[in-house]
N, C-alpha and C. Protein backbone atom coordinates (compact mmCIF):
# COMPACT_ATOMS: atom_id res chain seq x y z
N UNK A 1 0.79 -1.19 0.00
CA UNK A 1 0.01 0.00 0.00
C UNK A 1 0.85 1.25 0.02
N UNK A 2 0.48 2.20 -0.81
CA UNK A 2 1.20 3.44 -0.89
C UNK A 2 0.71 4.39 0.20
N UNK A 3 1.66 5.11 0.74
CA UNK A 3 1.26 6.16 1.70
C UNK A 3 1.10 7.47 0.94
N UNK A 4 -0.16 7.85 0.77
CA UNK A 4 -0.44 9.12 0.05
C UNK A 4 -0.50 10.25 1.05
N UNK A 5 0.11 11.31 0.73
CA UNK A 5 0.02 12.49 1.57
C UNK A 5 -1.24 13.27 1.26
N UNK A 6 -1.90 13.67 2.31
CA UNK A 6 -3.12 14.46 2.13
C UNK A 6 -2.88 15.83 2.74
N UNK A 7 -3.10 16.84 1.93
CA UNK A 7 -2.92 18.24 2.37
C UNK A 7 -4.27 18.90 2.50
N UNK A 8 -4.46 19.59 3.60
CA UNK A 8 -5.71 20.32 3.84
C UNK A 8 -5.46 21.80 3.72
N UNK A 9 -6.32 22.46 2.97
CA UNK A 9 -6.19 23.89 2.81
C UNK A 9 -7.06 24.57 3.83
N UNK A 10 -6.50 25.45 4.59
CA UNK A 10 -7.34 26.16 5.57
C UNK A 10 -8.39 27.00 4.85
N UNK A 11 -9.59 27.15 5.44
CA UNK A 11 -10.64 27.90 4.76
C UNK A 11 -10.33 29.36 4.57
N UNK A 12 -9.40 29.95 5.35
CA UNK A 12 -9.13 31.37 5.21
C UNK A 12 -8.40 31.71 3.90
N UNK A 13 -7.70 30.76 3.33
CA UNK A 13 -6.95 31.06 2.08
C UNK A 13 -7.88 31.14 0.87
N UNK A 14 -9.10 30.64 1.00
CA UNK A 14 -10.02 30.67 -0.13
C UNK A 14 -10.85 31.94 -0.15
N UNK A 15 -10.74 32.79 0.84
CA UNK A 15 -11.53 34.00 0.91
C UNK A 15 -10.82 35.17 0.23
N UNK A 16 -11.64 36.07 -0.26
CA UNK A 16 -11.06 37.35 -0.75
C UNK A 16 -11.43 38.39 0.32
N UNK A 17 -10.38 38.93 0.90
CA UNK A 17 -10.58 39.88 1.99
C UNK A 17 -10.97 41.24 1.45
N UNK A 18 -11.93 41.85 2.13
CA UNK A 18 -12.39 43.19 1.77
C UNK A 18 -12.07 44.17 2.85
N UNK A 19 -11.71 45.37 2.43
CA UNK A 19 -11.43 46.46 3.35
C UNK A 19 -12.20 47.68 2.86
N UNK A 20 -13.25 48.03 3.54
CA UNK A 20 -14.04 49.15 3.15
C UNK A 20 -14.77 48.94 1.81
N UNK A 21 -15.13 47.69 1.51
CA UNK A 21 -15.85 47.39 0.26
C UNK A 21 -14.95 47.18 -0.92
N UNK A 22 -13.64 47.11 -0.70
CA UNK A 22 -12.67 46.92 -1.78
C UNK A 22 -11.78 45.72 -1.48
N UNK A 23 -11.35 45.01 -2.50
CA UNK A 23 -10.29 44.04 -2.29
C UNK A 23 -8.97 44.79 -2.09
N UNK A 24 -8.01 44.11 -1.49
CA UNK A 24 -6.76 44.77 -1.15
C UNK A 24 -6.04 45.28 -2.37
N UNK A 25 -6.01 44.47 -3.44
CA UNK A 25 -5.30 44.90 -4.65
C UNK A 25 -6.02 46.07 -5.35
N UNK A 26 -7.34 46.12 -5.21
CA UNK A 26 -8.05 47.29 -5.76
C UNK A 26 -7.70 48.52 -5.01
N UNK A 27 -7.52 48.42 -3.69
CA UNK A 27 -7.11 49.63 -2.90
C UNK A 27 -5.68 50.07 -3.26
N UNK A 28 -4.84 49.09 -3.48
CA UNK A 28 -3.44 49.42 -3.86
C UNK A 28 -3.44 50.13 -5.22
N UNK A 29 -4.25 49.60 -6.17
CA UNK A 29 -4.32 50.23 -7.48
C UNK A 29 -4.93 51.61 -7.38
N UNK A 30 -5.95 51.77 -6.55
CA UNK A 30 -6.55 53.13 -6.40
C UNK A 30 -5.56 54.10 -5.76
N UNK A 31 -4.80 53.67 -4.76
CA UNK A 31 -3.84 54.56 -4.17
C UNK A 31 -2.75 54.96 -5.13
N UNK A 32 -2.35 54.02 -5.96
CA UNK A 32 -1.33 54.29 -7.02
C UNK A 32 -1.87 55.31 -8.00
N UNK A 33 -3.08 55.13 -8.47
CA UNK A 33 -3.68 56.09 -9.41
C UNK A 33 -3.88 57.45 -8.78
N UNK A 34 -4.27 57.45 -7.50
CA UNK A 34 -4.50 58.71 -6.78
C UNK A 34 -3.17 59.48 -6.62
N UNK A 35 -2.10 58.80 -6.28
CA UNK A 35 -0.79 59.46 -6.15
C UNK A 35 -0.33 60.01 -7.47
N UNK A 36 -0.48 59.24 -8.54
CA UNK A 36 -0.08 59.75 -9.87
C UNK A 36 -0.93 60.95 -10.25
N UNK A 37 -2.25 60.93 -9.91
CA UNK A 37 -3.13 62.04 -10.25
C UNK A 37 -2.73 63.28 -9.47
N UNK A 38 -2.43 63.11 -8.21
CA UNK A 38 -2.01 64.26 -7.43
C UNK A 38 -0.67 64.83 -7.86
N UNK A 39 0.21 63.95 -8.34
CA UNK A 39 1.48 64.40 -8.87
C UNK A 39 1.23 65.20 -10.16
N UNK A 40 0.31 64.75 -10.99
CA UNK A 40 0.01 65.47 -12.24
C UNK A 40 -0.70 66.79 -11.94
N UNK A 41 -1.50 66.86 -10.87
CA UNK A 41 -2.12 68.13 -10.49
C UNK A 41 -1.09 69.16 -10.10
N UNK A 42 -0.07 68.72 -9.35
CA UNK A 42 0.96 69.66 -8.90
C UNK A 42 1.84 70.08 -10.09
N UNK A 43 2.06 69.21 -11.06
CA UNK A 43 2.93 69.52 -12.19
C UNK A 43 2.19 70.27 -13.28
N UNK A 44 1.03 69.75 -13.68
CA UNK A 44 0.29 70.29 -14.85
C UNK A 44 -0.76 71.32 -14.44
N UNK A 45 -1.53 71.01 -13.38
CA UNK A 45 -2.54 71.99 -12.95
C UNK A 45 -3.90 71.74 -13.56
N UNK A 46 -4.32 70.51 -13.82
CA UNK A 46 -5.65 70.20 -14.31
C UNK A 46 -6.40 69.42 -13.21
N UNK A 47 -6.83 70.07 -12.16
CA UNK A 47 -7.38 69.31 -11.03
C UNK A 47 -8.70 68.57 -11.32
N UNK A 48 -9.58 69.16 -12.07
CA UNK A 48 -10.91 68.49 -12.27
C UNK A 48 -10.77 67.31 -13.19
N UNK A 49 -9.99 67.43 -14.25
CA UNK A 49 -9.85 66.33 -15.20
C UNK A 49 -8.96 65.22 -14.60
N UNK A 50 -7.94 65.58 -13.92
CA UNK A 50 -6.97 64.61 -13.44
C UNK A 50 -7.56 63.83 -12.23
N UNK A 51 -8.28 64.45 -11.38
CA UNK A 51 -8.80 63.79 -10.20
C UNK A 51 -10.06 62.98 -10.52
N UNK A 52 -10.59 63.15 -11.72
CA UNK A 52 -11.80 62.37 -12.13
C UNK A 52 -11.42 60.92 -12.36
N UNK A 53 -10.22 60.61 -12.78
CA UNK A 53 -9.81 59.23 -13.04
C UNK A 53 -9.79 58.38 -11.75
N UNK A 54 -9.13 58.83 -10.68
CA UNK A 54 -9.20 57.98 -9.46
C UNK A 54 -10.61 57.97 -8.86
N UNK A 55 -11.35 59.04 -9.02
CA UNK A 55 -12.73 59.01 -8.48
C UNK A 55 -13.61 58.03 -9.24
N UNK A 56 -13.46 57.95 -10.55
CA UNK A 56 -14.20 57.01 -11.34
C UNK A 56 -13.79 55.59 -11.02
N UNK A 57 -12.50 55.37 -10.83
CA UNK A 57 -12.03 54.01 -10.47
C UNK A 57 -12.60 53.60 -9.09
N UNK A 58 -12.64 54.55 -8.19
CA UNK A 58 -13.14 54.25 -6.86
C UNK A 58 -14.60 53.89 -6.88
N UNK A 59 -15.40 54.64 -7.67
CA UNK A 59 -16.84 54.37 -7.73
C UNK A 59 -17.12 53.05 -8.43
N UNK A 60 -16.41 52.77 -9.51
CA UNK A 60 -16.70 51.54 -10.28
C UNK A 60 -16.31 50.25 -9.53
N UNK A 61 -15.36 50.32 -8.65
CA UNK A 61 -14.90 49.12 -7.94
C UNK A 61 -15.46 48.95 -6.54
N UNK A 62 -16.33 49.84 -6.12
CA UNK A 62 -16.95 49.72 -4.79
C UNK A 62 -17.97 48.59 -4.82
N UNK A 63 -17.91 47.73 -3.85
CA UNK A 63 -18.88 46.63 -3.74
C UNK A 63 -20.06 47.11 -2.92
N UNK A 64 -21.00 47.77 -3.60
CA UNK A 64 -22.16 48.33 -2.94
C UNK A 64 -23.35 47.41 -2.94
N UNK A 65 -23.33 46.35 -3.76
CA UNK A 65 -24.43 45.44 -3.86
C UNK A 65 -24.37 44.33 -2.81
N UNK A 66 -25.49 43.88 -2.31
CA UNK A 66 -25.45 42.86 -1.26
C UNK A 66 -24.89 41.50 -1.71
N UNK A 67 -24.86 41.22 -2.99
CA UNK A 67 -24.36 39.91 -3.46
C UNK A 67 -22.85 39.89 -3.67
N UNK A 68 -22.17 40.99 -3.37
CA UNK A 68 -20.70 41.03 -3.44
C UNK A 68 -20.17 41.53 -4.77
N UNK A 69 -21.03 41.91 -5.69
CA UNK A 69 -20.55 42.45 -6.98
C UNK A 69 -20.27 43.92 -6.83
N UNK A 70 -19.35 44.38 -7.63
CA UNK A 70 -19.06 45.81 -7.60
C UNK A 70 -19.93 46.54 -8.63
N UNK A 71 -19.85 47.83 -8.65
CA UNK A 71 -20.69 48.69 -9.48
C UNK A 71 -20.38 48.39 -11.00
N UNK A 72 -19.17 48.16 -11.31
CA UNK A 72 -18.79 47.87 -12.73
C UNK A 72 -19.45 46.61 -13.21
N UNK A 73 -19.46 45.56 -12.37
CA UNK A 73 -20.12 44.29 -12.79
C UNK A 73 -21.63 44.49 -12.91
N UNK A 74 -22.23 45.27 -12.03
CA UNK A 74 -23.67 45.50 -12.12
C UNK A 74 -24.04 46.27 -13.39
N UNK A 75 -23.20 47.28 -13.71
CA UNK A 75 -23.48 48.02 -14.95
C UNK A 75 -23.32 47.13 -16.19
N UNK A 76 -22.34 46.23 -16.18
CA UNK A 76 -22.13 45.32 -17.30
C UNK A 76 -23.32 44.37 -17.44
N UNK A 77 -23.86 43.90 -16.31
CA UNK A 77 -25.02 43.00 -16.36
C UNK A 77 -26.22 43.72 -16.96
N UNK A 78 -26.45 44.98 -16.55
CA UNK A 78 -27.56 45.72 -17.09
C UNK A 78 -27.38 46.07 -18.56
N UNK A 79 -26.16 46.35 -18.95
CA UNK A 79 -25.86 46.64 -20.35
C UNK A 79 -26.19 45.40 -21.21
N UNK A 80 -25.74 44.22 -20.76
CA UNK A 80 -26.04 43.01 -21.52
C UNK A 80 -27.51 42.73 -21.59
N UNK A 81 -28.22 43.04 -20.48
CA UNK A 81 -29.66 42.78 -20.46
C UNK A 81 -30.42 43.65 -21.47
N UNK A 82 -30.05 44.93 -21.51
CA UNK A 82 -30.77 45.85 -22.41
C UNK A 82 -30.30 45.78 -23.84
N UNK A 83 -29.21 45.09 -24.10
CA UNK A 83 -28.75 44.90 -25.46
C UNK A 83 -29.54 43.80 -26.16
N UNK A 84 -30.20 42.92 -25.39
CA UNK A 84 -30.99 41.83 -25.97
C UNK A 84 -32.31 42.35 -26.48
N UNK A 85 -32.93 41.66 -27.43
CA UNK A 85 -34.23 42.03 -27.92
C UNK A 85 -35.27 41.69 -26.87
N UNK A 86 -36.09 42.67 -26.47
CA UNK A 86 -37.04 42.47 -25.42
C UNK A 86 -38.46 42.18 -25.94
N UNK A 87 -38.62 41.96 -27.24
CA UNK A 87 -39.93 41.69 -27.84
C UNK A 87 -40.14 40.16 -27.91
N UNK A 88 -41.33 39.75 -27.54
CA UNK A 88 -41.69 38.34 -27.59
C UNK A 88 -43.05 38.18 -28.26
N UNK A 89 -43.18 37.10 -28.99
CA UNK A 89 -44.49 36.83 -29.63
C UNK A 89 -45.28 35.91 -28.73
N UNK A 90 -46.60 35.76 -29.02
CA UNK A 90 -47.42 34.90 -28.25
C UNK A 90 -47.00 33.45 -28.37
N UNK A 91 -46.48 33.06 -29.51
CA UNK A 91 -46.08 31.70 -29.71
C UNK A 91 -44.87 31.32 -28.79
N UNK A 92 -43.99 32.25 -28.57
CA UNK A 92 -42.86 31.96 -27.70
C UNK A 92 -43.30 31.91 -26.23
N UNK A 93 -44.41 32.53 -25.88
CA UNK A 93 -44.84 32.58 -24.47
C UNK A 93 -45.74 31.35 -24.15
N UNK A 94 -46.25 30.63 -25.13
CA UNK A 94 -47.12 29.48 -24.86
C UNK A 94 -46.29 28.36 -24.19
N UNK A 95 -47.02 27.52 -23.47
CA UNK A 95 -46.36 26.36 -22.87
C UNK A 95 -46.07 25.35 -23.96
N UNK A 96 -44.95 24.75 -23.85
CA UNK A 96 -44.59 23.69 -24.84
C UNK A 96 -45.01 22.37 -24.27
N UNK A 97 -45.68 21.58 -25.07
CA UNK A 97 -46.21 20.26 -24.59
C UNK A 97 -45.41 19.15 -25.16
């Protein structure tokens, strides 16, 4: 008989940790974009246009929905829904026997 090694994965490693509604890497990316935007504001002087990029990133990646999806995923779902043809005929609505 062979001795097979069995490895158990702790349940904590399968989770995605959230901090303030964001994953850790999303927060790191936001902070990077924000620092670059602030640097560009001090060098170039376009505060409204430059600070819109990190604000848009922040809003799109916030997990505001109760099912854990972020705003970007919810907008994509609605976009796909409204891109489909919403007209149906009576024949399609009848029960199939």
